[in-house]
Protein backbone atom coordinates (compact mmCIF):
# COMPACT_ATOMS: atom_id res chain seq x y z
CA UNK A 1 0.00 0.00 0.00
CA UNK A 2 1.31 3.43 -0.94
CA UNK A 3 0.69 7.02 0.07
CA UNK A 4 1.74 9.88 -2.16
CA UNK A 5 2.32 13.58 -1.42
CA UNK A 6 2.85 16.24 -4.08
CA UNK A 7 3.82 19.88 -3.82
CA UNK A 8 3.89 22.12 -6.87
CA UNK A 9 5.60 25.40 -7.61
CA UNK A 10 8.38 25.30 -5.01
CA UNK A 11 10.60 28.35 -5.49
CA UNK A 12 13.78 26.34 -5.97
CA UNK A 13 15.42 24.94 -9.06
CA UNK A 14 14.82 21.24 -9.75
CA UNK A 15 18.56 20.65 -9.98
CA UNK A 16 19.05 21.64 -6.34
CA UNK A 17 15.99 19.68 -5.17
CA UNK A 18 17.13 16.56 -7.01
CA UNK A 19 20.30 16.36 -4.88
CA UNK A 20 18.25 15.99 -1.71
CA UNK A 21 15.64 13.72 -3.31
CA UNK A 22 18.30 11.27 -4.50
CA UNK A 23 19.78 10.98 -1.00
CA UNK A 24 16.55 9.88 0.70
CA UNK A 25 15.16 7.61 -2.02
CA UNK A 26 14.92 4.01 -0.80
CA UNK A 27 15.59 4.78 2.88
CA UNK A 28 13.27 4.13 5.81
CA UNK A 29 11.21 7.14 6.87
CA UNK A 30 12.88 7.44 10.28
CA UNK A 31 16.35 7.31 8.79
CA UNK A 32 15.40 9.79 6.05
CA UNK A 33 13.87 12.20 8.55
CA UNK A 34 17.04 12.24 10.66
CA UNK A 35 19.17 12.81 7.54
CA UNK A 36 16.94 15.65 6.37
CA UNK A 37 16.90 17.26 9.81
CA UNK A 38 20.69 17.61 9.84
CA UNK A 39 21.08 18.53 6.17
CA UNK A 40 21.89 22.24 5.59
CA UNK A 41 20.16 22.41 2.19
CA UNK A 42 16.96 24.41 1.73
CA UNK A 43 15.33 21.59 -0.25
CA UNK A 44 15.63 19.29 2.76
CA UNK A 45 12.92 21.27 4.57
CA UNK A 46 10.45 20.78 1.71
CA UNK A 47 11.10 17.06 1.32
CA UNK A 48 11.00 16.56 5.09
CA UNK A 49 7.51 18.07 5.25
CA UNK A 50 6.34 15.86 2.39
CA UNK A 51 7.81 12.60 3.68
CA UNK A 52 6.57 12.92 7.25
CA UNK A 53 3.67 10.64 8.19
CA UNK A 54 1.82 13.73 9.45
CA UNK A 55 1.67 15.24 5.98
CA UNK A 56 -1.96 16.22 5.28
CA UNK A 57 -2.21 14.24 2.07
CA UNK A 58 -0.75 11.08 3.59
CA UNK A 59 -2.27 11.11 7.07
CA UNK A 60 -5.46 9.18 6.22
CA UNK A 61 -3.70 6.41 4.35
CA UNK A 62 -0.69 6.13 6.63
CA UNK A 63 -2.70 5.73 9.83
CA UNK A 64 -4.69 2.92 8.25
CA UNK A 65 -1.50 1.04 7.31
CA UNK A 66 0.26 -1.32 9.68
CA UNK A 67 3.16 0.28 11.58
CA UNK A 68 4.77 3.61 10.82
CA UNK A 69 8.27 2.31 11.41
CA UNK A 70 8.01 -0.06 8.45
CA UNK A 71 7.55 2.72 5.87
CA UNK A 72 10.17 3.39 3.25
CA UNK A 73 10.39 6.21 0.75
CA UNK A 74 9.68 4.37 -2.47
CA UNK A 75 10.10 7.26 -4.90
CA UNK A 76 11.07 10.89 -4.59
CA UNK A 77 11.09 12.81 -7.83
CA UNK A 78 11.46 16.42 -8.82
CA UNK A 79 10.26 17.89 -12.06
CA UNK A 80 10.52 21.22 -13.76
CA UNK A 81 7.76 23.73 -13.33
CA UNK A 82 7.29 27.14 -14.91
CA UNK A 83 10.00 29.77 -14.76
CA UNK A 84 9.28 33.22 -13.49
CA UNK A 85 10.99 35.76 -15.71
CA UNK A 86 12.04 39.09 -14.27
CA UNK A 87 14.06 41.97 -15.63
CA UNK A 88 15.71 44.67 -13.59
CA UNK A 89 14.52 48.18 -14.42
CA UNK A 90 13.43 47.22 -17.92
CA UNK A 91 16.82 45.99 -19.06
CA UNK A 92 17.18 43.46 -21.83
CA UNK A 93 18.71 40.64 -19.77
CA UNK A 94 16.19 38.48 -17.96
CA UNK A 95 16.54 36.72 -14.63
CA UNK A 96 14.91 33.29 -14.55
CA UNK A 97 13.53 32.10 -11.21
CA UNK A 98 13.10 28.37 -11.64
CA UNK A 99 10.43 26.44 -9.75
CA UNK A 100 9.87 22.71 -9.32
CA UNK A 101 7.30 20.04 -8.54
CA UNK A 102 8.19 17.48 -5.85
CA UNK A 103 6.54 14.07 -5.40
CA UNK A 104 7.25 11.71 -2.49
CA UNK A 105 5.77 8.21 -2.32
CA UNK A 106 5.84 6.28 0.96
CA UNK A 107 5.23 2.52 0.89
CA UNK A 108 5.44 -0.51 3.16
PDB file of N, CA and C in Angstrom:
ATOM      1  N   UNK A   1       0.832  -1.165   0.000  1.00  0.00           N
ATOM      2  CA  UNK A   1       0.000   0.000   0.000  1.00  0.00           C
ATOM      3  C   UNK A   1       0.889   1.245   0.000  1.00  0.00           C
ATOM      4  N   UNK A   2       0.506   2.231  -0.793  1.00  0.00           N
ATOM      5  CA  UNK A   2       1.312   3.425  -0.944  1.00  0.00           C
ATOM      6  C   UNK A   2       0.535   4.673  -0.563  1.00  0.00           C
ATOM      7  N   UNK A   3       1.257   5.692  -0.168  1.00  0.00           N
ATOM      8  CA  UNK A   3       0.690   7.016   0.070  1.00  0.00           C
ATOM      9  C   UNK A   3       1.590   8.012  -0.647  1.00  0.00           C
ATOM     10  N   UNK A   4       0.982   8.960  -1.326  1.00  0.00           N
ATOM     11  CA  UNK A   4       1.737   9.882  -2.157  1.00  0.00           C
ATOM     12  C   UNK A   4       1.448  11.327  -1.757  1.00  0.00           C
ATOM     13  N   UNK A   5       2.475  12.151  -1.716  1.00  0.00           N
ATOM     14  CA  UNK A   5       2.321  13.577  -1.416  1.00  0.00           C
ATOM     15  C   UNK A   5       3.007  14.372  -2.521  1.00  0.00           C
ATOM     16  N   UNK A   6       2.338  15.424  -2.981  1.00  0.00           N
ATOM     17  CA  UNK A   6       2.846  16.243  -4.082  1.00  0.00           C
ATOM     18  C   UNK A   6       2.796  17.706  -3.667  1.00  0.00           C
ATOM     19  N   UNK A   7       3.836  18.435  -3.980  1.00  0.00           N
ATOM     20  CA  UNK A   7       3.821  19.882  -3.816  1.00  0.00           C
ATOM     21  C   UNK A   7       4.287  20.482  -5.134  1.00  0.00           C
ATOM     22  N   UNK A   8       3.599  21.518  -5.569  1.00  0.00           N
ATOM     23  CA  UNK A   8       3.887  22.118  -6.870  1.00  0.00           C
ATOM     24  C   UNK A   8       4.316  23.576  -6.707  1.00  0.00           C
ATOM     25  N   UNK A   9       5.196  23.995  -7.574  1.00  0.00           N
ATOM     26  CA  UNK A   9       5.603  25.400  -7.606  1.00  0.00           C
ATOM     27  C   UNK A   9       6.520  25.823  -6.489  1.00  0.00           C
ATOM     28  N   UNK A  10       7.412  24.949  -6.045  1.00  0.00           N
ATOM     29  CA  UNK A  10       8.377  25.303  -5.006  1.00  0.00           C
ATOM     30  C   UNK A  10       9.408  26.246  -5.619  1.00  0.00           C
ATOM     31  N   UNK A  11       9.703  27.342  -4.949  1.00  0.00           N
ATOM     32  CA  UNK A  11      10.604  28.346  -5.493  1.00  0.00           C
ATOM     33  C   UNK A  11      12.073  27.940  -5.323  1.00  0.00           C
ATOM     34  N   UNK A  12      12.414  26.832  -5.967  1.00  0.00           N
ATOM     35  CA  UNK A  12      13.783  26.340  -5.970  1.00  0.00           C
ATOM     36  C   UNK A  12      13.994  25.561  -7.260  1.00  0.00           C
ATOM     37  N   UNK A  13      15.173  25.620  -7.793  1.00  0.00           N
ATOM     38  CA  UNK A  13      15.422  24.943  -9.056  1.00  0.00           C
ATOM     39  C   UNK A  13      15.384  23.428  -8.860  1.00  0.00           C
ATOM     40  N   UNK A  14      14.898  22.697  -9.864  1.00  0.00           N
ATOM     41  CA  UNK A  14      14.818  21.240  -9.755  1.00  0.00           C
ATOM     42  C   UNK A  14      16.184  20.582  -9.586  1.00  0.00           C
ATOM     43  N   UNK A  15      17.216  21.205 -10.091  1.00  0.00           N
ATOM     44  CA  UNK A  15      18.555  20.648  -9.979  1.00  0.00           C
ATOM     45  C   UNK A  15      19.011  20.585  -8.515  1.00  0.00           C
ATOM     46  N   UNK A  16      18.683  21.615  -7.749  1.00  0.00           N
ATOM     47  CA  UNK A  16      19.048  21.642  -6.337  1.00  0.00           C
ATOM     48  C   UNK A  16      18.174  20.703  -5.515  1.00  0.00           C
ATOM     49  N   UNK A  17      16.896  20.582  -5.885  1.00  0.00           N
ATOM     50  CA  UNK A  17      15.988  19.683  -5.173  1.00  0.00           C
ATOM     51  C   UNK A  17      16.341  18.222  -5.425  1.00  0.00           C
ATOM     52  N   UNK A  18      16.818  17.937  -6.630  1.00  0.00           N
ATOM     53  CA  UNK A  18      17.133  16.562  -7.006  1.00  0.00           C
ATOM     54  C   UNK A  18      18.265  15.981  -6.166  1.00  0.00           C
ATOM     55  N   UNK A  19      19.191  16.822  -5.728  1.00  0.00           N
ATOM     56  CA  UNK A  19      20.303  16.359  -4.885  1.00  0.00           C
ATOM     57  C   UNK A  19      19.770  15.764  -3.589  1.00  0.00           C
ATOM     58  N   UNK A  20      18.832  16.452  -2.969  1.00  0.00           N
ATOM     59  CA  UNK A  20      18.254  15.989  -1.709  1.00  0.00           C
ATOM     60  C   UNK A  20      17.349  14.786  -1.944  1.00  0.00           C
ATOM     61  N   UNK A  21      16.563  14.807  -3.023  1.00  0.00           N
ATOM     62  CA  UNK A  21      15.641  13.716  -3.313  1.00  0.00           C
ATOM     63  C   UNK A  21      16.384  12.409  -3.573  1.00  0.00           C
ATOM     64  N   UNK A  22      17.526  12.478  -4.224  1.00  0.00           N
ATOM     65  CA  UNK A  22      18.296  11.270  -4.497  1.00  0.00           C
ATOM     66  C   UNK A  22      18.891  10.665  -3.229  1.00  0.00           C
ATOM     67  N   UNK A  23      19.183  11.499  -2.235  1.00  0.00           N
ATOM     68  CA  UNK A  23      19.777  10.984  -0.997  1.00  0.00           C
ATOM     69  C   UNK A  23      18.792  10.177  -0.156  1.00  0.00           C
ATOM     70  N   UNK A  24      17.514  10.549  -0.173  1.00  0.00           N
ATOM     71  CA  UNK A  24      16.549   9.879   0.699  1.00  0.00           C
ATOM     72  C   UNK A  24      15.770   8.769   0.003  1.00  0.00           C
ATOM     73  N   UNK A  25      15.897   8.642  -1.296  1.00  0.00           N
ATOM     74  CA  UNK A  25      15.160   7.609  -2.023  1.00  0.00           C
ATOM     75  C   UNK A  25      15.603   6.216  -1.587  1.00  0.00           C
ATOM     76  N   UNK A  26      14.639   5.377  -1.203  1.00  0.00           N
ATOM     77  CA  UNK A  26      14.922   4.011  -0.798  1.00  0.00           C
ATOM     78  C   UNK A  26      15.225   3.828   0.681  1.00  0.00           C
ATOM     79  N   UNK A  27      15.294   4.886   1.440  1.00  0.00           N
ATOM     80  CA  UNK A  27      15.588   4.782   2.877  1.00  0.00           C
ATOM     81  C   UNK A  27      14.303   4.679   3.685  1.00  0.00           C
ATOM     82  N   UNK A  28      14.403   4.152   4.883  1.00  0.00           N
ATOM     83  CA  UNK A  28      13.266   4.127   5.810  1.00  0.00           C
ATOM     84  C   UNK A  28      12.924   5.550   6.220  1.00  0.00           C
ATOM     85  N   UNK A  29      11.673   5.782   6.569  1.00  0.00           N
ATOM     86  CA  UNK A  29      11.215   7.135   6.871  1.00  0.00           C
ATOM     87  C   UNK A  29      11.956   7.718   8.074  1.00  0.00           C
ATOM     88  N   UNK A  30      12.164   6.944   9.103  1.00  0.00           N
ATOM     89  CA  UNK A  30      12.877   7.436  10.283  1.00  0.00           C
ATOM     90  C   UNK A  30      14.304   7.842   9.966  1.00  0.00           C
ATOM     91  N   UNK A  31      14.970   7.021   9.176  1.00  0.00           N
ATOM     92  CA  UNK A  31      16.346   7.311   8.788  1.00  0.00           C
ATOM     93  C   UNK A  31      16.407   8.545   7.877  1.00  0.00           C
ATOM     94  N   UNK A  32      15.447   8.647   6.961  1.00  0.00           N
ATOM     95  CA  UNK A  32      15.398   9.790   6.047  1.00  0.00           C
ATOM     96  C   UNK A  32      15.102  11.082   6.795  1.00  0.00           C
ATOM     97  N   UNK A  33      14.206  11.006   7.786  1.00  0.00           N
ATOM     98  CA  UNK A  33      13.874  12.201   8.552  1.00  0.00           C
ATOM     99  C   UNK A  33      15.076  12.711   9.343  1.00  0.00           C
ATOM    100  N   UNK A  34      15.860  11.804   9.909  1.00  0.00           N
ATOM    101  CA  UNK A  34      17.044  12.238  10.656  1.00  0.00           C
ATOM    102  C   UNK A  34      18.107  12.808   9.718  1.00  0.00           C
ATOM    103  N   UNK A  35      18.242  12.249   8.512  1.00  0.00           N
ATOM    104  CA  UNK A  35      19.175  12.813   7.536  1.00  0.00           C
ATOM    105  C   UNK A  35      18.748  14.216   7.110  1.00  0.00           C
ATOM    106  N   UNK A  36      17.443  14.367   6.845  1.00  0.00           N
ATOM    107  CA  UNK A  36      16.941  15.650   6.373  1.00  0.00           C
ATOM    108  C   UNK A  36      16.990  16.723   7.454  1.00  0.00           C
ATOM    109  N   UNK A  37      16.861  16.302   8.701  1.00  0.00           N
ATOM    110  CA  UNK A  37      16.899  17.261   9.806  1.00  0.00           C
ATOM    111  C   UNK A  37      18.282  17.897   9.947  1.00  0.00           C
ATOM    112  N   UNK A  38      19.321  17.119   9.683  1.00  0.00           N
ATOM    113  CA  UNK A  38      20.688  17.606   9.836  1.00  0.00           C
ATOM    114  C   UNK A  38      21.267  18.211   8.561  1.00  0.00           C
ATOM    115  N   UNK A  39      20.562  18.061   7.444  1.00  0.00           N
ATOM    116  CA  UNK A  39      21.078  18.535   6.169  1.00  0.00           C
ATOM    117  C   UNK A  39      20.914  20.054   6.051  1.00  0.00           C
ATOM    118  N   UNK A  40      21.967  20.781   5.650  1.00  0.00           N
ATOM    119  CA  UNK A  40      21.889  22.241   5.589  1.00  0.00           C
ATOM    120  C   UNK A  40      21.212  22.787   4.330  1.00  0.00           C
ATOM    121  N   UNK A  41      20.768  21.943   3.441  1.00  0.00           N
ATOM    122  CA  UNK A  41      20.162  22.407   2.192  1.00  0.00           C
ATOM    123  C   UNK A  41      18.731  22.864   2.407  1.00  0.00           C
ATOM    124  N   UNK A  42      18.307  23.863   1.618  1.00  0.00           N
ATOM    125  CA  UNK A  42      16.965  24.410   1.727  1.00  0.00           C
ATOM    126  C   UNK A  42      15.911  23.413   1.235  1.00  0.00           C
ATOM    127  N   UNK A  43      16.264  22.587   0.278  1.00  0.00           N
ATOM    128  CA  UNK A  43      15.335  21.587  -0.247  1.00  0.00           C
ATOM    129  C   UNK A  43      15.021  20.486   0.755  1.00  0.00           C
ATOM    130  N   UNK A  44      15.871  20.312   1.751  1.00  0.00           N
ATOM    131  CA  UNK A  44      15.634  19.288   2.764  1.00  0.00           C
ATOM    132  C   UNK A  44      14.393  19.598   3.583  1.00  0.00           C
ATOM    133  N   UNK A  45      14.105  20.876   3.799  1.00  0.00           N
ATOM    134  CA  UNK A  45      12.924  21.267   4.569  1.00  0.00           C
ATOM    135  C   UNK A  45      11.653  20.877   3.827  1.00  0.00           C
ATOM    136  N   UNK A  46      11.628  21.102   2.519  1.00  0.00           N
ATOM    137  CA  UNK A  46      10.449  20.785   1.712  1.00  0.00           C
ATOM    138  C   UNK A  46      10.216  19.279   1.658  1.00  0.00           C
ATOM    139  N   UNK A  47      11.243  18.510   1.424  1.00  0.00           N
ATOM    140  CA  UNK A  47      11.100  17.056   1.319  1.00  0.00           C
ATOM    141  C   UNK A  47      10.793  16.459   2.686  1.00  0.00           C
ATOM    142  N   UNK A  48      11.307  17.050   3.741  1.00  0.00           N
ATOM    143  CA  UNK A  48      11.004  16.559   5.093  1.00  0.00           C
ATOM    144  C   UNK A  48       9.523  16.726   5.422  1.00  0.00           C
ATOM    145  N   UNK A  49       8.938  17.855   5.023  1.00  0.00           N
ATOM    146  CA  UNK A  49       7.510  18.066   5.253  1.00  0.00           C
ATOM    147  C   UNK A  49       6.673  17.083   4.450  1.00  0.00           C
ATOM    148  N   UNK A  50       7.100  16.773   3.240  1.00  0.00           N
ATOM    149  CA  UNK A  50       6.340  15.859   2.394  1.00  0.00           C
ATOM    150  C   UNK A  50       6.456  14.416   2.849  1.00  0.00           C
ATOM    151  N   UNK A  51       7.615  14.006   3.340  1.00  0.00           N
ATOM    152  CA  UNK A  51       7.811  12.598   3.680  1.00  0.00           C
ATOM    153  C   UNK A  51       7.389  12.247   5.096  1.00  0.00           C
ATOM    154  N   UNK A  52       7.000  13.229   5.885  1.00  0.00           N
ATOM    155  CA  UNK A  52       6.572  12.923   7.247  1.00  0.00           C
ATOM    156  C   UNK A  52       5.214  12.225   7.228  1.00  0.00           C
ATOM    157  N   UNK A  53       4.964  11.312   8.135  1.00  0.00           N
ATOM    158  CA  UNK A  53       3.668  10.639   8.191  1.00  0.00           C
ATOM    159  C   UNK A  53       2.535  11.584   8.563  1.00  0.00           C
ATOM    160  N   UNK A  54       2.852  12.756   9.079  1.00  0.00           N
ATOM    161  CA  UNK A  54       1.817  13.725   9.449  1.00  0.00           C
ATOM    162  C   UNK A  54       1.470  14.672   8.313  1.00  0.00           C
ATOM    163  N   UNK A  55       1.996  14.410   7.135  1.00  0.00           N
ATOM    164  CA  UNK A  55       1.671  15.236   5.983  1.00  0.00           C
ATOM    165  C   UNK A  55       0.175  15.136   5.706  1.00  0.00           C
ATOM    166  N   UNK A  56      -0.500  16.240   5.426  1.00  0.00           N
ATOM    167  CA  UNK A  56      -1.955  16.218   5.280  1.00  0.00           C
ATOM    168  C   UNK A  56      -2.469  15.266   4.218  1.00  0.00           C
ATOM    169  N   UNK A  57      -1.727  15.118   3.127  1.00  0.00           N
ATOM    170  CA  UNK A  57      -2.215  14.243   2.069  1.00  0.00           C
ATOM    171  C   UNK A  57      -1.981  12.777   2.386  1.00  0.00           C
ATOM    172  N   UNK A  58      -1.059  12.472   3.288  1.00  0.00           N
ATOM    173  CA  UNK A  58      -0.747  11.084   3.591  1.00  0.00           C
ATOM    174  C   UNK A  58      -1.382  10.600   4.880  1.00  0.00           C
ATOM    175  N   UNK A  59      -1.884  11.492   5.715  1.00  0.00           N
ATOM    176  CA  UNK A  59      -2.274  11.105   7.066  1.00  0.00           C
ATOM    177  C   UNK A  59      -3.390  10.067   7.097  1.00  0.00           C
ATOM    178  N   UNK A  60      -4.362  10.166   6.213  1.00  0.00           N
ATOM    179  CA  UNK A  60      -5.457   9.181   6.223  1.00  0.00           C
ATOM    180  C   UNK A  60      -4.967   7.795   5.855  1.00  0.00           C
ATOM    181  N   UNK A  61      -4.159   7.720   4.820  1.00  0.00           N
ATOM    182  CA  UNK A  61      -3.700   6.406   4.354  1.00  0.00           C
ATOM    183  C   UNK A  61      -2.667   5.801   5.284  1.00  0.00           C
ATOM    184  N   UNK A  62      -1.782   6.633   5.797  1.00  0.00           N
ATOM    185  CA  UNK A  62      -0.687   6.134   6.630  1.00  0.00           C
ATOM    186  C   UNK A  62      -1.210   5.583   7.949  1.00  0.00           C
ATOM    187  N   UNK A  63      -2.193   6.229   8.555  1.00  0.00           N
ATOM    188  CA  UNK A  63      -2.700   5.733   9.828  1.00  0.00           C
ATOM    189  C   UNK A  63      -3.454   4.431   9.657  1.00  0.00           C
ATOM    190  N   UNK A  64      -3.990   4.180   8.458  1.00  0.00           N
ATOM    191  CA  UNK A  64      -4.694   2.920   8.245  1.00  0.00           C
ATOM    192  C   UNK A  64      -3.732   1.783   7.922  1.00  0.00           C
ATOM    193  N   UNK A  65      -2.489   2.088   7.577  1.00  0.00           N
ATOM    194  CA  UNK A  65      -1.503   1.041   7.308  1.00  0.00           C
ATOM    195  C   UNK A  65      -0.986   0.457   8.614  1.00  0.00           C
ATOM    196  N   UNK A  66      -0.159  -0.565   8.506  1.00  0.00           N
ATOM    197  CA  UNK A  66       0.263  -1.324   9.684  1.00  0.00           C
ATOM    198  C   UNK A  66       1.059  -0.487  10.684  1.00  0.00           C
ATOM    199  N   UNK A  67       2.358  -0.480  10.626  1.00  0.00           N
ATOM    200  CA  UNK A  67       3.161   0.279  11.578  1.00  0.00           C
ATOM    201  C   UNK A  67       3.946   1.353  10.849  1.00  0.00           C
ATOM    202  N   UNK A  68       4.084   2.499  11.472  1.00  0.00           N
ATOM    203  CA  UNK A  68       4.767   3.611  10.816  1.00  0.00           C
ATOM    204  C   UNK A  68       6.262   3.369  10.665  1.00  0.00           C
ATOM    205  N   UNK A  69       6.829   2.533  11.495  1.00  0.00           N
ATOM    206  CA  UNK A  69       8.268   2.308  11.410  1.00  0.00           C
ATOM    207  C   UNK A  69       8.659   1.468  10.199  1.00  0.00           C
ATOM    208  N   UNK A  70       7.692   0.789   9.591  1.00  0.00           N
ATOM    209  CA  UNK A  70       8.011  -0.061   8.450  1.00  0.00           C
ATOM    210  C   UNK A  70       7.926   0.664   7.119  1.00  0.00           C
ATOM    211  N   UNK A  71       7.658   1.975   7.114  1.00  0.00           N
ATOM    212  CA  UNK A  71       7.545   2.724   5.868  1.00  0.00           C
ATOM    213  C   UNK A  71       8.919   2.991   5.280  1.00  0.00           C
ATOM    214  N   UNK A  72       8.964   3.000   3.962  1.00  0.00           N
ATOM    215  CA  UNK A  72      10.167   3.391   3.252  1.00  0.00           C
ATOM    216  C   UNK A  72       9.770   4.359   2.154  1.00  0.00           C
ATOM    217  N   UNK A  73      10.662   5.271   1.832  1.00  0.00           N
ATOM    218  CA  UNK A  73      10.394   6.213   0.751  1.00  0.00           C
ATOM    219  C   UNK A  73      10.645   5.475  -0.552  1.00  0.00           C
ATOM    220  N   UNK A  74       9.570   5.146  -1.245  1.00  0.00           N
ATOM    221  CA  UNK A  74       9.679   4.372  -2.474  1.00  0.00           C
ATOM    222  C   UNK A  74      10.236   5.228  -3.607  1.00  0.00           C
ATOM    223  N   UNK A  75       9.618   6.370  -3.848  1.00  0.00           N
ATOM    224  CA  UNK A  75      10.101   7.263  -4.899  1.00  0.00           C
ATOM    225  C   UNK A  75      10.095   8.688  -4.387  1.00  0.00           C
ATOM    226  N   UNK A  76      11.048   9.446  -4.837  1.00  0.00           N
ATOM    227  CA  UNK A  76      11.066  10.885  -4.585  1.00  0.00           C
ATOM    228  C   UNK A  76      11.592  11.537  -5.857  1.00  0.00           C
ATOM    229  N   UNK A  77      10.719  12.229  -6.544  1.00  0.00           N
ATOM    230  CA  UNK A  77      11.086  12.809  -7.826  1.00  0.00           C
ATOM    231  C   UNK A  77      10.872  14.312  -7.813  1.00  0.00           C
ATOM    232  N   UNK A  78      11.639  14.995  -8.631  1.00  0.00           N
ATOM    233  CA  UNK A  78      11.456  16.424  -8.820  1.00  0.00           C
ATOM    234  C   UNK A  78      11.350  16.677 -10.309  1.00  0.00           C
ATOM    235  N   UNK A  79      10.448  17.545 -10.664  1.00  0.00           N
ATOM    236  CA  UNK A  79      10.256  17.891 -12.058  1.00  0.00           C
ATOM    237  C   UNK A  79      10.284  19.391 -12.240  1.00  0.00           C
ATOM    238  N   UNK A  80      10.437  19.795 -13.467  1.00  0.00           N
ATOM    239  CA  UNK A  80      10.523  21.224 -13.763  1.00  0.00           C
ATOM    240  C   UNK A  80       9.135  21.827 -13.852  1.00  0.00           C
ATOM    241  N   UNK A  81       8.995  22.976 -13.271  1.00  0.00           N
ATOM    242  CA  UNK A  81       7.759  23.733 -13.331  1.00  0.00           C
ATOM    243  C   UNK A  81       8.012  24.977 -14.181  1.00  0.00           C
ATOM    244  N   UNK A  82       7.125  25.925 -14.126  1.00  0.00           N
ATOM    245  CA  UNK A  82       7.293  27.143 -14.913  1.00  0.00           C
ATOM    246  C   UNK A  82       8.420  27.997 -14.346  1.00  0.00           C
ATOM    247  N   UNK A  83       8.974  28.827 -15.187  1.00  0.00           N
ATOM    248  CA  UNK A  83      10.004  29.767 -14.760  1.00  0.00           C
ATOM    249  C   UNK A  83       9.403  31.151 -14.682  1.00  0.00           C
ATOM    250  N   UNK A  84       9.711  31.840 -13.617  1.00  0.00           N
ATOM    251  CA  UNK A  84       9.278  33.224 -13.492  1.00  0.00           C
ATOM    252  C   UNK A  84      10.371  34.104 -14.088  1.00  0.00           C
ATOM    253  N   UNK A  85      10.007  34.907 -15.063  1.00  0.00           N
ATOM    254  CA  UNK A  85      10.994  35.763 -15.713  1.00  0.00           C
ATOM    255  C   UNK A  85      10.884  37.172 -15.151  1.00  0.00           C
ATOM    256  N   UNK A  86      12.010  37.728 -14.794  1.00  0.00           N
ATOM    257  CA  UNK A  86      12.044  39.090 -14.272  1.00  0.00           C
ATOM    258  C   UNK A  86      13.185  39.846 -14.942  1.00  0.00           C
ATOM    259  N   UNK A  87      13.003  41.117 -15.083  1.00  0.00           N
ATOM    260  CA  UNK A  87      14.058  41.965 -15.627  1.00  0.00           C
ATOM    261  C   UNK A  87      14.219  43.158 -14.698  1.00  0.00           C
ATOM    262  N   UNK A  88      15.435  43.553 -14.476  1.00  0.00           N
ATOM    263  CA  UNK A  88      15.708  44.666 -13.589  1.00  0.00           C
ATOM    264  C   UNK A  88      15.583  45.989 -14.332  1.00  0.00           C
ATOM    265  N   UNK A  89      14.701  46.831 -13.896  1.00  0.00           N
ATOM    266  CA  UNK A  89      14.524  48.183 -14.417  1.00  0.00           C
ATOM    267  C   UNK A  89      14.358  48.221 -15.934  1.00  0.00           C
ATOM    268  N   UNK A  90      13.707  47.227 -16.497  1.00  0.00           N
ATOM    269  CA  UNK A  90      13.427  47.215 -17.923  1.00  0.00           C
ATOM    270  C   UNK A  90      14.610  46.890 -18.803  1.00  0.00           C
ATOM    271  N   UNK A  91      15.642  46.327 -18.253  1.00  0.00           N
ATOM    272  CA  UNK A  91      16.816  45.990 -19.057  1.00  0.00           C
ATOM    273  C   UNK A  91      16.546  44.745 -19.896  1.00  0.00           C
ATOM    274  N   UNK A  92      17.409  44.523 -20.865  1.00  0.00           N
ATOM    275  CA  UNK A  92      17.181  43.455 -21.833  1.00  0.00           C
ATOM    276  C   UNK A  92      17.481  42.068 -21.262  1.00  0.00           C
ATOM    277  N   UNK A  93      18.375  41.957 -20.326  1.00  0.00           N
ATOM    278  CA  UNK A  93      18.714  40.643 -19.773  1.00  0.00           C
ATOM    279  C   UNK A  93      17.673  40.224 -18.752  1.00  0.00           C
ATOM    280  N   UNK A  94      17.201  38.978 -18.870  1.00  0.00           N
ATOM    281  CA  UNK A  94      16.186  38.479 -17.958  1.00  0.00           C
ATOM    282  C   UNK A  94      16.828  37.653 -16.856  1.00  0.00           C
ATOM    283  N   UNK A  95      16.145  37.590 -15.733  1.00  0.00           N
ATOM    284  CA  UNK A  95      16.539  36.724 -14.633  1.00  0.00           C
ATOM    285  C   UNK A  95      15.478  35.644 -14.535  1.00  0.00           C
ATOM    286  N   UNK A  96      15.879  34.378 -14.620  1.00  0.00           N
ATOM    287  CA  UNK A  96      14.909  33.289 -14.551  1.00  0.00           C
ATOM    288  C   UNK A  96      14.894  32.701 -13.148  1.00  0.00           C
ATOM    289  N   UNK A  97      13.717  32.727 -12.515  1.00  0.00           N
ATOM    290  CA  UNK A  97      13.529  32.097 -11.211  1.00  0.00           C
ATOM    291  C   UNK A  97      12.874  30.752 -11.469  1.00  0.00           C
ATOM    292  N   UNK A  98      13.626  29.691 -11.333  1.00  0.00           N
ATOM    293  CA  UNK A  98      13.103  28.370 -11.644  1.00  0.00           C
ATOM    294  C   UNK A  98      12.310  27.822 -10.460  1.00  0.00           C
ATOM    295  N   UNK A  99      11.248  27.080 -10.768  1.00  0.00           N
ATOM    296  CA  UNK A  99      10.430  26.442  -9.748  1.00  0.00           C
ATOM    297  C   UNK A  99      10.341  24.963 -10.075  1.00  0.00           C
ATOM    298  N   UNK A 100       9.904  24.157  -9.103  1.00  0.00           N
ATOM    299  CA  UNK A 100       9.875  22.715  -9.318  1.00  0.00           C
ATOM    300  C   UNK A 100       8.661  22.081  -8.658  1.00  0.00           C
ATOM    301  N   UNK A 101       8.329  20.893  -9.133  1.00  0.00           N
ATOM    302  CA  UNK A 101       7.304  20.043  -8.540  1.00  0.00           C
ATOM    303  C   UNK A 101       8.019  18.902  -7.826  1.00  0.00           C
ATOM    304  N   UNK A 102       7.571  18.557  -6.621  1.00  0.00           N
ATOM    305  CA  UNK A 102       8.194  17.482  -5.852  1.00  0.00           C
ATOM    306  C   UNK A 102       7.130  16.444  -5.502  1.00  0.00           C
ATOM    307  N   UNK A 103       7.443  15.169  -5.726  1.00  0.00           N
ATOM    308  CA  UNK A 103       6.540  14.071  -5.396  1.00  0.00           C
ATOM    309  C   UNK A 103       7.289  13.070  -4.520  1.00  0.00           C
ATOM    310  N   UNK A 104       6.681  12.708  -3.397  1.00  0.00           N
ATOM    311  CA  UNK A 104       7.247  11.707  -2.491  1.00  0.00           C
ATOM    312  C   UNK A 104       6.226  10.601  -2.293  1.00  0.00           C
ATOM    313  N   UNK A 105       6.634   9.362  -2.508  1.00  0.00           N
ATOM    314  CA  UNK A 105       5.771   8.210  -2.317  1.00  0.00           C
ATOM    315  C   UNK A 105       6.305   7.374  -1.177  1.00  0.00           C
ATOM    316  N   UNK A 106       5.461   7.088  -0.196  1.00  0.00           N
ATOM    317  CA  UNK A 106       5.839   6.285   0.960  1.00  0.00           C
ATOM    318  C   UNK A 106       5.100   4.957   0.853  1.00  0.00           C
ATOM    319  N   UNK A 107       5.834   3.858   1.020  1.00  0.00           N
ATOM    320  CA  UNK A 107       5.229   2.524   0.893  1.00  0.00           C
ATOM    321  C   UNK A 107       5.733   1.604   1.996  1.00  0.00           C
ATOM    322  N   UNK A 108       5.014   0.506   2.194  1.00  0.00           N
ATOM    323  CA  UNK A 108       5.440  -0.513   3.164  1.00  0.00           C
ATOM    324  C   UNK A 108       6.562  -1.336   2.626  1.00  0.00           C
TER     325      UNK A 108
END
